């Protein structure tokens, strides 16, 4: 049985240079926020493990 479900046809218009610039700024802001959050989690994890984590026997 071939049942194809098709959504509504959507036509996209090209973005204006202003919209492209806003999209790029928003993407950079999201990337920086994500990077800061990863760095924060890393630092908090290291702080929670303590400074002796590097000198423990393997």
C-alpha atoms as a PDB file:
ATOM      1  CA  UNK A   1       0.000   0.000   0.000  1.00  0.00           C
ATOM      2  CA  UNK A   2       1.435   3.315  -1.067  1.00  0.00           C
ATOM      3  CA  UNK A   3       0.085   6.041   1.162  1.00  0.00           C
ATOM      4  CA  UNK A   4       1.822   9.339   0.658  1.00  0.00           C
ATOM      5  CA  UNK A   5       1.038  12.081   3.092  1.00  0.00           C
ATOM      6  CA  UNK A   6       1.889  15.450   1.713  1.00  0.00           C
ATOM      7  CA  UNK A   7       1.850  18.608   3.733  1.00  0.00           C
ATOM      8  CA  UNK A   8       0.739  21.972   2.485  1.00  0.00           C
ATOM      9  CA  UNK A   9       2.850  23.497  -0.249  1.00  0.00           C
ATOM     10  CA  UNK A  10       4.940  26.322   1.166  1.00  0.00           C
ATOM     11  CA  UNK A  11       6.710  28.821  -1.005  1.00  0.00           C
ATOM     12  CA  UNK A  12       9.756  30.476   0.480  1.00  0.00           C
ATOM     13  CA  UNK A  13      10.915  33.890  -0.535  1.00  0.00           C
ATOM     14  CA  UNK A  14      14.604  34.768  -0.580  1.00  0.00           C
ATOM     15  CA  UNK A  15      15.874  36.572   2.487  1.00  0.00           C
ATOM     16  CA  UNK A  16      16.822  40.189   2.280  1.00  0.00           C
ATOM     17  CA  UNK A  17      20.424  41.100   3.180  1.00  0.00           C
ATOM     18  CA  UNK A  18      19.127  42.611   6.447  1.00  0.00           C
ATOM     19  CA  UNK A  19      17.361  39.363   7.352  1.00  0.00           C
ATOM     20  CA  UNK A  20      20.462  37.330   6.483  1.00  0.00           C
ATOM     21  CA  UNK A  21      22.581  39.587   8.730  1.00  0.00           C
ATOM     22  CA  UNK A  22      20.103  39.196  11.606  1.00  0.00           C
ATOM     23  CA  UNK A  23      20.060  35.427  11.129  1.00  0.00           C
ATOM     24  CA  UNK A  24      23.866  35.295  11.179  1.00  0.00           C
ATOM     25  CA  UNK A  25      24.052  37.438  14.340  1.00  0.00           C
ATOM     26  CA  UNK A  26      21.471  35.230  16.023  1.00  0.00           C
ATOM     27  CA  UNK A  27      23.383  32.082  15.016  1.00  0.00           C
ATOM     28  CA  UNK A  28      26.638  33.507  16.382  1.00  0.00           C
ATOM     29  CA  UNK A  29      24.917  34.475  19.643  1.00  0.00           C
ATOM     30  CA  UNK A  30      23.464  30.969  20.017  1.00  0.00           C
ATOM     31  CA  UNK A  31      26.862  29.399  19.272  1.00  0.00           C
ATOM     32  CA  UNK A  32      28.593  31.621  21.844  1.00  0.00           C
ATOM     33  CA  UNK A  33      25.954  30.867  24.470  1.00  0.00           C
ATOM     34  CA  UNK A  34      26.269  27.134  23.816  1.00  0.00           C
ATOM     35  CA  UNK A  35      30.065  27.318  24.012  1.00  0.00           C
ATOM     36  CA  UNK A  36      29.879  29.262  27.278  1.00  0.00           C
ATOM     37  CA  UNK A  37      27.488  26.683  28.726  1.00  0.00           C
ATOM     38  CA  UNK A  38      29.798  23.799  27.732  1.00  0.00           C
ATOM     39  CA  UNK A  39      32.766  25.609  29.283  1.00  0.00           C
ATOM     40  CA  UNK A  40      30.762  26.281  32.458  1.00  0.00           C
ATOM     41  CA  UNK A  41      29.771  22.614  32.770  1.00  0.00           C
ATOM     42  CA  UNK A  42      33.396  21.570  32.213  1.00  0.00           C
ATOM     43  CA  UNK A  43      34.709  23.957  34.869  1.00  0.00           C
ATOM     44  CA  UNK A  44      32.012  22.943  37.357  1.00  0.00           C
ATOM     45  CA  UNK A  45      32.733  19.257  36.764  1.00  0.00           C
ATOM     46  CA  UNK A  46      36.464  19.753  37.324  1.00  0.00           C
ATOM     47  CA  UNK A  47      35.753  21.836  40.442  1.00  0.00           C
ATOM     48  CA  UNK A  48      33.422  19.153  41.811  1.00  0.00           C
ATOM     49  CA  UNK A  49      35.966  16.378  41.202  1.00  0.00           C
ATOM     50  CA  UNK A  50      38.615  18.363  43.026  1.00  0.00           C
ATOM     51  CA  UNK A  51      42.255  19.151  42.309  1.00  0.00           C
ATOM     52  CA  UNK A  52      43.447  15.627  43.329  1.00  0.00           C
ATOM     53  CA  UNK A  53      41.815  14.105  40.230  1.00  0.00           C
ATOM     54  CA  UNK A  54      45.020  14.685  38.224  1.00  0.00           C
ATOM     55  CA  UNK A  55      47.321  12.989  40.764  1.00  0.00           C
ATOM     56  CA  UNK A  56      45.329   9.807  41.414  1.00  0.00           C
ATOM     57  CA  UNK A  57      46.720   6.405  40.360  1.00  0.00           C
ATOM     58  CA  UNK A  58      45.343   5.006  37.144  1.00  0.00           C
END
